[in-house]
Amino acid sequence: EAVRQRIKKLIDAEDPQKVLSDDQLVKALKAEGIDIARRTVAKYRESLRIASSVQRRREKRAAMPA
């Protein structure tokens, strides 16, 4: 559960210009000492109902002023 919350915090804090992919989330978690597979990150992200990086990027671009 702590890992899920950490993933959520990383995604909430991401730069709208640089949306984090699952691979980048794995690297960030490894830097914090959490060894986790990309597939597990994807599963946890989906369980938190957080969209994929591609979908988040589209949503954030659409929300930005033109």
N, C-alpha and C. Protein backbone atom coordinates (compact mmCIF):
# COMPACT_ATOMS: atom_id res chain seq x y z
N GLU A 1 0.83 -1.20 0.00
CA GLU A 1 0.00 0.00 0.00
C GLU A 1 0.88 1.26 0.00
N ALA A 2 1.99 1.23 0.71
CA ALA A 2 2.89 2.39 0.74
C ALA A 2 3.46 2.67 -0.64
N VAL A 3 3.73 1.61 -1.40
CA VAL A 3 4.27 1.78 -2.75
C VAL A 3 3.21 2.42 -3.64
N ARG A 4 1.98 2.00 -3.52
CA ARG A 4 0.89 2.59 -4.31
C ARG A 4 0.77 4.09 -4.02
N GLN A 5 0.86 4.45 -2.76
CA GLN A 5 0.76 5.87 -2.39
C GLN A 5 1.95 6.66 -2.93
N ARG A 6 3.11 6.03 -2.95
CA ARG A 6 4.30 6.70 -3.49
C ARG A 6 4.14 6.94 -4.99
N ILE A 7 3.60 5.94 -5.70
CA ILE A 7 3.35 6.08 -7.14
C ILE A 7 2.37 7.23 -7.37
N LYS A 8 1.32 7.29 -6.56
CA LYS A 8 0.33 8.37 -6.69
C LYS A 8 0.97 9.73 -6.46
N LYS A 9 1.82 9.83 -5.45
CA LYS A 9 2.49 11.11 -5.17
C LYS A 9 3.40 11.53 -6.33
N LEU A 10 4.15 10.57 -6.88
CA LEU A 10 5.03 10.88 -8.01
C LEU A 10 4.22 11.39 -9.20
N ILE A 11 3.11 10.75 -9.48
CA ILE A 11 2.27 11.16 -10.62
C ILE A 11 1.61 12.51 -10.35
N ASP A 12 1.14 12.73 -9.13
CA ASP A 12 0.52 14.01 -8.78
C ASP A 12 1.51 15.17 -8.92
N ALA A 13 2.78 14.89 -8.66
CA ALA A 13 3.81 15.94 -8.69
C ALA A 13 4.49 16.10 -10.05
N GLU A 14 4.10 15.28 -11.03
CA GLU A 14 4.81 15.33 -12.31
C GLU A 14 4.56 16.64 -13.05
N ASP A 15 5.56 17.03 -13.83
CA ASP A 15 5.51 18.22 -14.66
C ASP A 15 4.58 17.93 -15.84
N PRO A 16 3.59 18.79 -16.12
CA PRO A 16 2.69 18.55 -17.25
C PRO A 16 3.43 18.44 -18.59
N GLN A 17 4.60 19.04 -18.67
CA GLN A 17 5.41 18.95 -19.89
C GLN A 17 6.19 17.64 -19.97
N LYS A 18 6.40 16.99 -18.83
CA LYS A 18 7.18 15.75 -18.76
C LYS A 18 6.43 14.71 -17.95
N VAL A 19 5.41 14.13 -18.58
CA VAL A 19 4.61 13.11 -17.92
C VAL A 19 5.45 11.85 -17.75
N LEU A 20 5.40 11.23 -16.57
CA LEU A 20 6.22 10.06 -16.26
C LEU A 20 5.63 8.78 -16.83
N SER A 21 6.45 8.02 -17.54
CA SER A 21 6.04 6.70 -18.02
C SER A 21 6.21 5.71 -16.88
N ASP A 22 5.69 4.50 -17.07
CA ASP A 22 5.85 3.46 -16.04
C ASP A 22 7.33 3.16 -15.83
N ASP A 23 8.12 3.15 -16.91
CA ASP A 23 9.57 2.90 -16.78
C ASP A 23 10.25 4.00 -15.95
N GLN A 24 9.84 5.24 -16.17
CA GLN A 24 10.42 6.34 -15.39
C GLN A 24 10.00 6.26 -13.93
N LEU A 25 8.78 5.79 -13.68
CA LEU A 25 8.34 5.60 -12.30
C LEU A 25 9.17 4.52 -11.62
N VAL A 26 9.48 3.43 -12.35
CA VAL A 26 10.33 2.36 -11.81
C VAL A 26 11.69 2.93 -11.41
N LYS A 27 12.29 3.75 -12.28
CA LYS A 27 13.60 4.34 -11.99
C LYS A 27 13.54 5.24 -10.76
N ALA A 28 12.48 6.04 -10.65
CA ALA A 28 12.33 6.94 -9.50
C ALA A 28 12.18 6.14 -8.20
N LEU A 29 11.41 5.07 -8.25
CA LEU A 29 11.23 4.24 -7.07
C LEU A 29 12.52 3.50 -6.71
N LYS A 30 13.27 3.04 -7.72
CA LYS A 30 14.56 2.37 -7.45
C LYS A 30 15.52 3.32 -6.76
N ALA A 31 15.48 4.60 -7.16
CA ALA A 31 16.35 5.60 -6.54
C ALA A 31 16.01 5.78 -5.06
N GLU A 32 14.77 5.47 -4.70
CA GLU A 32 14.33 5.56 -3.31
C GLU A 32 14.51 4.23 -2.57
N GLY A 33 15.07 3.24 -3.25
CA GLY A 33 15.32 1.95 -2.61
C GLY A 33 14.18 0.96 -2.74
N ILE A 34 13.22 1.25 -3.62
CA ILE A 34 12.08 0.34 -3.82
C ILE A 34 12.30 -0.39 -5.14
N ASP A 35 12.56 -1.70 -5.06
CA ASP A 35 12.80 -2.50 -6.26
C ASP A 35 11.47 -3.10 -6.71
N ILE A 36 10.99 -2.67 -7.87
CA ILE A 36 9.67 -3.06 -8.35
C ILE A 36 9.70 -3.19 -9.88
N ALA A 37 8.93 -4.12 -10.41
CA ALA A 37 8.87 -4.34 -11.86
C ALA A 37 7.92 -3.33 -12.51
N ARG A 38 8.16 -3.04 -13.78
CA ARG A 38 7.31 -2.11 -14.52
C ARG A 38 5.87 -2.61 -14.58
N ARG A 39 5.70 -3.91 -14.75
CA ARG A 39 4.35 -4.49 -14.81
C ARG A 39 3.60 -4.27 -13.50
N THR A 40 4.33 -4.34 -12.40
CA THR A 40 3.71 -4.12 -11.09
C THR A 40 3.31 -2.66 -10.94
N VAL A 41 4.18 -1.75 -11.40
CA VAL A 41 3.85 -0.32 -11.37
C VAL A 41 2.58 -0.08 -12.18
N ALA A 42 2.49 -0.69 -13.36
CA ALA A 42 1.31 -0.52 -14.22
C ALA A 42 0.05 -1.05 -13.51
N LYS A 43 0.18 -2.19 -12.86
CA LYS A 43 -0.96 -2.79 -12.16
C LYS A 43 -1.41 -1.88 -11.01
N TYR A 44 -0.45 -1.38 -10.24
CA TYR A 44 -0.79 -0.49 -9.12
C TYR A 44 -1.42 0.81 -9.64
N ARG A 45 -0.85 1.36 -10.71
CA ARG A 45 -1.37 2.60 -11.29
C ARG A 45 -2.82 2.40 -11.73
N GLU A 46 -3.08 1.28 -12.40
CA GLU A 46 -4.44 0.99 -12.85
C GLU A 46 -5.38 0.78 -11.68
N SER A 47 -4.90 0.14 -10.60
CA SER A 47 -5.76 -0.09 -9.43
C SER A 47 -6.12 1.24 -8.76
N LEU A 48 -5.27 2.25 -8.93
CA LEU A 48 -5.55 3.58 -8.39
C LEU A 48 -6.38 4.42 -9.36
N ARG A 49 -6.77 3.81 -10.48
CA ARG A 49 -7.53 4.46 -11.55
C ARG A 49 -6.82 5.69 -12.10
N ILE A 50 -5.51 5.54 -12.31
CA ILE A 50 -4.70 6.58 -12.91
C ILE A 50 -4.43 6.15 -14.35
N ALA A 51 -4.65 7.06 -15.28
CA ALA A 51 -4.49 6.76 -16.71
C ALA A 51 -3.02 6.52 -17.06
N SER A 52 -2.81 5.93 -18.22
CA SER A 52 -1.45 5.70 -18.71
C SER A 52 -0.78 7.04 -19.01
N SER A 53 0.54 7.04 -19.18
CA SER A 53 1.26 8.28 -19.45
C SER A 53 0.77 8.93 -20.74
N VAL A 54 0.45 8.14 -21.75
CA VAL A 54 -0.04 8.68 -23.02
C VAL A 54 -1.36 9.41 -22.80
N GLN A 55 -2.27 8.80 -22.07
CA GLN A 55 -3.56 9.43 -21.80
C GLN A 55 -3.42 10.67 -20.92
N ARG A 56 -2.55 10.60 -19.91
CA ARG A 56 -2.34 11.77 -19.03
C ARG A 56 -1.73 12.92 -19.83
N ARG A 57 -0.80 12.62 -20.74
CA ARG A 57 -0.17 13.65 -21.56
C ARG A 57 -1.24 14.35 -22.41
N ARG A 58 -2.13 13.56 -23.03
CA ARG A 58 -3.20 14.14 -23.86
C ARG A 58 -4.12 15.03 -23.01
N GLU A 59 -4.50 14.55 -21.84
CA GLU A 59 -5.39 15.31 -20.97
C GLU A 59 -4.75 16.62 -20.52
N LYS A 60 -3.49 16.57 -20.16
CA LYS A 60 -2.81 17.77 -19.67
C LYS A 60 -2.58 18.77 -20.79
N ARG A 61 -2.30 18.29 -22.01
CA ARG A 61 -2.16 19.21 -23.15
C ARG A 61 -3.49 19.87 -23.47
N ALA A 62 -4.58 19.11 -23.40
CA ALA A 62 -5.91 19.66 -23.68
C ALA A 62 -6.30 20.71 -22.64
N ALA A 63 -5.85 20.53 -21.42
CA ALA A 63 -6.20 21.45 -20.33
C ALA A 63 -5.37 22.73 -20.35
N MET A 64 -4.24 22.70 -21.06
CA MET A 64 -3.37 23.88 -21.11
C MET A 64 -3.97 24.96 -22.00
N PRO A 65 -3.80 26.23 -21.62
CA PRO A 65 -4.31 27.31 -22.48
C PRO A 65 -3.55 27.37 -23.80
N ALA A 66 -4.23 27.69 -24.84
CA ALA A 66 -3.63 27.70 -26.19
C ALA A 66 -2.73 28.89 -26.42
